[in-house]
């Protein structure tokens, strides 16, 4: 087994936007203030990040295909 530390891949918002095509849906769960600072062109924002960190995340309503409902 390799002793090399695994580092998660990093990609800039610009690179994601460049790679994005009509088949890719980018859901940004950050708070609206964070999204206003920077975002990925064509992404959709559903500001539930804080809820996901809370123990109450199990209370999120799920819509079709287990996606969070608006």
Protein backbone atom coordinates (compact mmCIF):
# COMPACT_ATOMS: atom_id res chain seq x y z
CA UNK A 1 0.00 0.00 0.00
CA UNK A 2 1.26 3.48 -0.88
CA UNK A 3 2.30 5.83 1.88
CA UNK A 4 1.36 8.84 -0.23
CA UNK A 5 -1.23 10.96 1.52
CA UNK A 6 -4.49 11.16 -0.35
CA UNK A 7 -5.45 14.75 -1.17
CA UNK A 8 -8.93 15.53 -2.45
CA UNK A 9 -8.88 16.98 -5.96
CA UNK A 10 -9.34 20.73 -6.16
CA UNK A 11 -10.93 22.55 -9.05
CA UNK A 12 -11.71 26.23 -9.46
CA UNK A 13 -15.22 27.51 -10.14
CA UNK A 14 -14.00 28.75 -13.53
CA UNK A 15 -12.75 25.28 -14.50
CA UNK A 16 -16.03 23.68 -13.45
CA UNK A 17 -17.89 26.25 -15.56
CA UNK A 18 -15.63 25.52 -18.54
CA UNK A 19 -16.21 21.77 -18.23
CA UNK A 20 -19.94 22.17 -17.67
CA UNK A 21 -22.31 21.13 -20.41
CA UNK A 22 -26.08 20.71 -20.54
CA UNK A 23 -25.86 17.27 -18.94
CA UNK A 24 -24.20 18.54 -15.74
CA UNK A 25 -26.28 20.03 -12.95
CA UNK A 26 -24.33 21.92 -10.27
CA UNK A 27 -26.18 22.39 -6.98
CA UNK A 28 -24.52 24.88 -4.64
CA UNK A 29 -25.74 24.39 -1.06
CA UNK A 30 -23.76 27.28 0.42
CA UNK A 31 -25.40 30.28 2.10
CA UNK A 32 -26.55 33.10 -0.18
CA UNK A 33 -23.84 35.47 1.12
CA UNK A 34 -21.14 33.00 0.10
CA UNK A 35 -22.69 32.53 -3.33
CA UNK A 36 -22.73 36.30 -3.86
CA UNK A 37 -18.94 36.35 -3.32
CA UNK A 38 -18.35 33.80 -6.10
CA UNK A 39 -20.30 31.12 -7.91
CA UNK A 40 -20.15 28.77 -10.87
CA UNK A 41 -21.95 30.06 -13.96
CA UNK A 42 -25.13 28.09 -14.50
CA UNK A 43 -25.20 26.60 -11.00
CA UNK A 44 -28.33 26.59 -8.86
CA UNK A 45 -28.26 27.64 -5.22
CA UNK A 46 -30.25 25.92 -2.49
CA UNK A 47 -28.93 27.47 0.76
CA UNK A 48 -29.16 24.48 3.09
CA UNK A 49 -25.51 24.20 4.18
CA UNK A 50 -26.17 25.17 7.81
CA UNK A 51 -29.10 22.77 8.00
CA UNK A 52 -26.91 19.96 6.72
CA UNK A 53 -24.46 20.64 9.56
CA UNK A 54 -27.21 20.58 12.16
CA UNK A 55 -28.48 17.36 13.65
CA UNK A 56 -31.84 18.36 12.19
CA UNK A 57 -30.68 17.56 8.65
CA UNK A 58 -32.81 14.45 8.84
CA UNK A 59 -35.83 16.78 8.87
CA UNK A 60 -35.11 18.10 5.35
CA UNK A 61 -37.94 17.27 3.02
CA UNK A 62 -36.86 15.16 0.11
CA UNK A 63 -38.53 15.42 -3.24
CA UNK A 64 -38.45 13.05 -6.21
CA UNK A 65 -35.19 11.12 -6.57
CA UNK A 66 -34.25 11.98 -2.95
CA UNK A 67 -33.47 15.62 -3.81
CA UNK A 68 -34.16 18.38 -1.31
CA UNK A 69 -37.45 20.06 -2.12
CA UNK A 70 -37.81 23.85 -2.27
